[in-house]
Amino acid sequence: MLKTIALASLALFGAALPAAADDDFATGWAAGAKSQARLVAASADLAGLEIKLAPGAITYWRDPGDAGLPPTFDFSGSTNLKSAEPVFPAPKRIPESDGSVAYGYDSDVTFPIRVVSADAAKPVTLSLAVHYAVCEKVCLPAEARLSLALPLKTTTPNAALVEAALALAPEPRTIAEIGASLAPAGAAEWRFCAPAEPDARRDLFVETPEGWWTTVKPEPPADGRACFLIDLAGKPDGAELPIEARLTLTGGGSAVETRATLGGP
């Protein structure tokens, strides 16, 4: 279910123009709806999309939650680029005024971009067309078209910004490595438990294949464990379990993510 985007604003924000570059290692800021965005270079194989939000505005994670739209990244105009992988910092659960819950960011955010060149002896010129949504009382689309040459050998002053954002991204782990457990709790319910953190509230985000929908309800911590009840709330017509899901656990020393099978023998 997607929050309604104000279509009338498409003409206003559909052609955001970048300003003059701040320095050799960053584009200028491209103004968008209640936001501005720029591309920064960290090194030959690492860049970042930095988004600044107006006070009270939010933007979304790769799974936007009950409502909203995730950001999309298009690198098709780049040169000497083999691959570019956006990395998403761990989200937070954000209650909205209409009673829905968004997964995303309520303050400035940087999305690291891991870059692989086609020819390592030559620099990459990264061209990015990014579309994202920014919501306050009304959701508006935002767009930025940015282009930046990455340094071939230099580590830039922006490296600290991008590496700090990388540190906020969930680290891949197995369920055993997390010290967690996943077990059936009903016909279409599962209980996920992980070590509790005394000084940090843990939260769980469950991503399922397109058309499937789950809800997550935290349970009171007990015996040093933080547990969550995962309930299957909807599925495509004719589809059957099992499914593969990605589970992201936040709180504690760092966020982690793991793959799990829901349903089946």
Protein backbone atom coordinates (compact mmCIF):
# COMPACT_ATOMS: atom_id res chain seq x y z
CA MET A 1 0.00 0.00 0.00
CA LEU A 2 1.62 3.22 -1.13
CA LYS A 3 1.08 6.70 0.25
CA THR A 4 -0.40 9.01 -2.38
CA ILE A 5 2.25 11.13 -4.04
CA ALA A 6 1.18 14.65 -4.97
CA LEU A 7 1.15 14.28 -8.75
CA ALA A 8 0.86 18.00 -9.34
CA SER A 9 4.34 18.40 -7.94
CA LEU A 10 5.92 16.20 -10.63
CA ALA A 11 6.28 19.11 -13.03
CA LEU A 12 7.78 21.23 -10.28
CA PHE A 13 10.32 18.73 -9.00
CA GLY A 14 10.85 16.47 -12.02
CA ALA A 15 13.83 18.40 -13.37
CA ALA A 16 15.91 19.34 -10.36
CA LEU A 17 19.03 21.09 -11.58
CA PRO A 18 22.38 20.68 -9.80
CA ALA A 19 24.17 23.76 -8.52
CA ALA A 20 27.83 24.44 -9.07
CA ALA A 21 30.14 21.83 -7.56
CA ASP A 22 31.23 22.43 -3.97
CA ASP A 23 34.70 20.98 -4.69
CA ASP A 24 36.47 18.52 -6.98
CA PHE A 25 35.09 15.58 -5.00
CA ALA A 26 31.39 16.52 -4.76
CA THR A 27 28.65 17.78 -7.02
CA GLY A 28 26.60 20.81 -6.11
CA TRP A 29 23.33 20.35 -4.24
CA ALA A 30 20.28 19.51 -6.36
CA ALA A 31 17.16 21.00 -4.79
CA GLY A 32 14.14 18.72 -4.40
CA ALA A 33 10.91 18.54 -2.43
CA LYS A 34 11.81 19.53 1.16
CA SER A 35 15.29 18.17 0.50
CA GLN A 36 18.53 18.55 -1.40
CA ALA A 37 20.90 15.89 -2.69
CA ARG A 38 24.47 15.65 -3.92
CA LEU A 39 26.96 13.00 -5.01
CA VAL A 40 30.28 12.77 -3.17
CA ALA A 41 33.43 10.79 -4.01
CA ALA A 42 35.28 8.89 -1.28
CA SER A 43 37.75 6.89 -3.39
CA ALA A 44 38.05 5.09 -6.73
CA ASP A 45 35.58 2.42 -5.59
CA LEU A 46 33.35 4.26 -3.13
CA ALA A 47 30.94 7.17 -3.48
CA GLY A 48 27.88 8.37 -1.62
CA LEU A 49 24.53 10.01 -2.23
CA GLU A 50 24.00 12.57 0.52
CA ILE A 51 20.42 13.75 1.17
CA LYS A 52 19.61 16.63 3.49
CA LEU A 53 16.02 16.81 4.72
CA ALA A 54 14.00 19.81 5.83
CA PRO A 55 12.99 19.75 9.54
CA GLY A 56 10.09 17.35 10.06
CA ALA A 57 10.54 15.59 6.72
CA ILE A 58 11.29 11.90 6.24
CA THR A 59 12.49 9.69 3.39
CA TYR A 60 12.39 5.94 2.94
CA TRP A 61 14.43 2.74 3.22
CA ARG A 62 14.48 0.03 0.52
CA ASP A 63 11.29 -1.32 2.17
CA PRO A 64 9.19 1.77 2.92
CA GLY A 65 6.88 0.05 5.43
CA ASP A 66 3.10 0.57 5.40
CA ALA A 67 3.35 3.49 2.99
CA GLY A 68 5.75 5.48 0.88
CA LEU A 69 8.18 4.77 -1.93
CA PRO A 70 11.75 3.47 -1.78
CA PRO A 71 14.53 5.37 -3.56
CA THR A 72 15.58 4.16 -7.02
CA PHE A 73 19.08 4.54 -8.48
CA ASP A 74 19.90 4.63 -12.20
CA PHE A 75 23.58 4.61 -13.19
CA SER A 76 23.04 4.02 -16.90
CA GLY A 77 24.81 7.22 -17.98
CA SER A 78 28.10 6.33 -16.26
CA THR A 79 31.41 5.65 -18.02
CA ASN A 80 33.96 2.91 -17.25
CA LEU A 81 31.47 1.43 -14.79
CA LYS A 82 31.07 -2.33 -14.36
CA SER A 83 28.70 -2.14 -11.37
CA ALA A 84 27.41 0.26 -8.73
CA GLU A 85 25.71 -1.03 -5.58
CA PRO A 86 23.81 1.38 -3.30
CA VAL A 87 24.03 0.49 0.39
CA PHE A 88 21.17 1.32 2.76
CA PRO A 89 21.89 2.38 6.36
CA ALA A 90 19.66 0.62 8.88
CA PRO A 91 16.20 2.19 9.11
CA LYS A 92 14.03 3.23 12.00
CA ARG A 93 10.30 2.75 12.49
CA ILE A 94 8.57 6.14 12.04
CA PRO A 95 4.87 6.56 13.03
CA GLU A 96 3.01 8.84 10.61
CA SER A 97 0.02 11.11 11.18
CA ASP A 98 -2.38 8.84 9.25
CA GLY A 99 -1.65 5.90 11.56
CA SER A 100 0.72 4.11 9.18
CA VAL A 101 4.30 3.26 10.05
CA ALA A 102 7.16 4.12 7.71
CA TYR A 103 10.58 2.50 7.60
CA GLY A 104 13.24 5.05 6.84
CA TYR A 105 15.05 8.15 7.99
CA ASP A 106 13.86 11.29 9.77
CA SER A 107 17.15 13.16 9.48
CA ASP A 108 19.91 13.63 6.90
CA VAL A 109 21.11 10.36 5.37
CA THR A 110 23.98 9.22 3.15
CA PHE A 111 23.65 6.15 0.94
CA PRO A 112 27.11 4.67 0.23
CA ILE A 113 27.67 3.40 -3.33
CA ARG A 114 30.16 0.57 -3.90
CA VAL A 115 31.72 0.98 -7.34
CA VAL A 116 33.53 -1.52 -9.59
CA SER A 117 35.24 -0.11 -12.67
CA ALA A 118 35.30 -1.81 -16.06
CA ASP A 119 39.00 -0.88 -16.41
CA ALA A 120 40.85 -0.42 -13.12
CA ALA A 121 43.53 1.69 -14.84
CA LYS A 122 40.96 4.37 -15.68
CA PRO A 123 38.72 6.49 -13.46
CA VAL A 124 34.96 6.03 -13.29
CA THR A 125 32.61 8.88 -14.06
CA LEU A 126 29.50 8.13 -12.05
CA SER A 127 26.24 9.50 -13.47
CA LEU A 128 23.24 9.00 -11.21
CA ALA A 129 19.54 9.65 -11.70
CA VAL A 130 17.89 9.12 -8.31
CA HIS A 131 14.19 9.28 -7.51
CA TYR A 132 12.99 9.32 -3.91
CA ALA A 133 9.98 10.45 -1.87
CA VAL A 134 9.99 13.03 0.90
CA CYS A 135 7.04 13.14 3.29
CA GLU A 136 5.87 15.54 5.95
CA LYS A 137 2.10 16.17 5.95
CA VAL A 138 2.08 15.48 2.20
CA CYS A 139 4.34 13.12 0.25
CA LEU A 140 6.20 14.65 -2.68
CA PRO A 141 8.49 13.10 -5.29
CA ALA A 142 12.07 14.32 -5.54
CA GLU A 143 14.63 13.78 -8.25
CA ALA A 144 18.33 14.52 -8.71
CA ARG A 145 20.54 14.00 -11.75
CA LEU A 146 24.18 14.09 -10.74
CA SER A 147 27.52 13.29 -12.37
CA LEU A 148 30.94 13.07 -10.76
CA ALA A 149 34.36 11.71 -11.73
CA LEU A 150 35.82 9.47 -9.02
CA PRO A 151 39.53 9.85 -8.20
CA LEU A 152 41.75 7.07 -9.50
CA LYS A 153 44.07 6.80 -6.49
CA THR A 154 43.20 9.51 -3.97
CA THR A 155 41.16 9.04 -0.81
CA THR A 156 39.14 12.23 -0.51
CA PRO A 157 38.04 14.31 2.50
CA ASN A 158 34.53 12.86 1.96
CA ALA A 159 35.72 9.35 2.83
CA ALA A 160 34.88 9.80 6.53
CA LEU A 161 31.27 10.75 5.73
CA VAL A 162 30.71 7.75 3.46
CA GLU A 163 32.51 5.27 5.71
CA ALA A 164 30.43 6.45 8.69
CA ALA A 165 27.30 5.72 6.65
CA LEU A 166 28.69 2.28 5.73
CA ALA A 167 29.11 1.54 9.43
CA LEU A 168 25.35 2.09 9.89
CA ALA A 169 24.44 -0.53 7.28
CA PRO A 170 23.34 -3.96 8.54
CA GLU A 171 26.11 -6.55 8.45
CA PRO A 172 25.24 -9.92 6.86
CA ARG A 173 25.18 -12.75 9.41
CA THR A 174 23.70 -16.20 9.73
CA ILE A 175 21.05 -16.80 12.37
CA ALA A 176 23.60 -18.86 14.30
CA GLU A 177 26.18 -16.06 14.16
CA ILE A 178 23.61 -13.64 15.61
CA GLY A 179 22.83 -16.13 18.38
CA ALA A 180 19.19 -16.02 17.31
CA SER A 181 16.44 -18.55 16.75
CA LEU A 182 13.43 -18.76 14.42
CA ALA A 183 10.64 -21.23 15.14
CA PRO A 184 6.98 -21.71 14.17
CA ALA A 185 4.51 -20.08 16.56
CA GLY A 186 1.29 -21.00 14.69
CA ALA A 187 -0.02 -21.97 11.27
CA ALA A 188 1.42 -18.82 9.67
CA GLU A 189 3.35 -17.27 12.54
CA TRP A 190 6.98 -17.45 13.56
CA ARG A 191 8.87 -16.32 16.64
CA PHE A 192 12.29 -14.76 16.10
CA CYS A 193 14.44 -14.30 19.20
CA ALA A 194 17.88 -12.71 19.56
CA PRO A 195 20.06 -11.66 22.49
CA ALA A 196 18.60 -8.59 24.18
CA GLU A 197 20.66 -5.46 24.66
CA PRO A 198 20.26 -3.80 28.08
CA ASP A 199 20.93 -0.28 26.81
CA ALA A 200 19.32 -0.44 23.36
CA ARG A 201 15.84 -1.26 22.13
CA ARG A 202 15.96 -3.93 19.45
CA ASP A 203 13.71 -3.83 16.39
CA LEU A 204 13.06 -6.27 13.55
CA PHE A 205 12.24 -5.56 9.90
CA VAL A 206 11.10 -8.43 7.65
CA GLU A 207 11.33 -8.20 3.85
CA THR A 208 9.39 -10.78 1.84
CA PRO A 209 8.95 -11.47 -1.89
CA GLU A 210 6.69 -9.12 -3.83
CA GLY A 211 3.02 -9.59 -2.96
CA TRP A 212 3.66 -11.15 0.46
CA TRP A 213 3.01 -9.12 3.59
CA THR A 214 3.98 -9.73 7.20
CA THR A 215 3.49 -7.85 10.45
CA VAL A 216 6.01 -7.81 13.27
CA LYS A 217 5.03 -7.50 16.93
CA PRO A 218 7.67 -7.19 19.67
CA GLU A 219 7.22 -9.30 22.78
CA PRO A 220 8.41 -8.36 26.30
CA PRO A 221 12.10 -9.27 26.76
CA ALA A 222 12.57 -12.42 28.83
CA ASP A 223 15.57 -14.51 29.87
CA GLY A 224 17.96 -12.14 28.14
CA ARG A 225 16.19 -12.53 24.79
CA ALA A 226 14.38 -9.98 22.62
CA CYS A 227 11.61 -11.78 20.73
CA PHE A 228 9.32 -10.79 17.87
CA LEU A 229 6.20 -12.48 16.54
CA ILE A 230 6.13 -12.51 12.73
CA ASP A 231 2.63 -12.96 11.33
CA LEU A 232 1.76 -13.66 7.70
CA ALA A 233 -0.83 -10.97 6.92
CA GLY A 234 -1.24 -11.40 3.16
CA LYS A 235 0.02 -13.28 0.12
CA PRO A 236 -0.54 -13.43 -3.65
CA ASP A 237 -3.50 -15.49 -4.84
CA GLY A 238 -2.50 -19.12 -5.23
CA ALA A 239 0.94 -18.64 -3.65
CA GLU A 240 2.10 -21.06 -0.98
CA LEU A 241 4.77 -21.23 1.67
CA PRO A 242 7.72 -21.57 2.06
CA ILE A 243 9.26 -18.22 1.14
CA GLU A 244 12.70 -16.73 1.59
CA ALA A 245 12.79 -13.56 3.72
CA ARG A 246 15.45 -11.06 4.70
CA LEU A 247 15.42 -10.11 8.39
CA THR A 248 17.11 -6.93 9.60
CA LEU A 249 17.74 -6.60 13.34
CA THR A 250 18.62 -3.18 14.75
CA GLY A 251 19.69 -2.03 18.19
CA GLY A 252 22.74 -3.12 20.11
CA GLY A 253 26.30 -2.76 18.89
CA SER A 254 25.39 -2.75 15.20
CA ALA A 255 22.55 -3.69 12.88
CA VAL A 256 22.66 -7.14 11.28
CA GLU A 257 20.68 -8.88 8.56
CA THR A 258 20.09 -12.53 7.84
CA ARG A 259 18.23 -14.75 5.39
CA ALA A 260 15.57 -17.14 6.62
CA THR A 261 12.92 -19.51 5.29
CA LEU A 262 9.37 -18.91 6.50
CA GLY A 263 7.18 -22.01 6.33
CA GLY A 264 7.88 -25.40 4.90
CA PRO A 265 8.95 -28.54 6.69
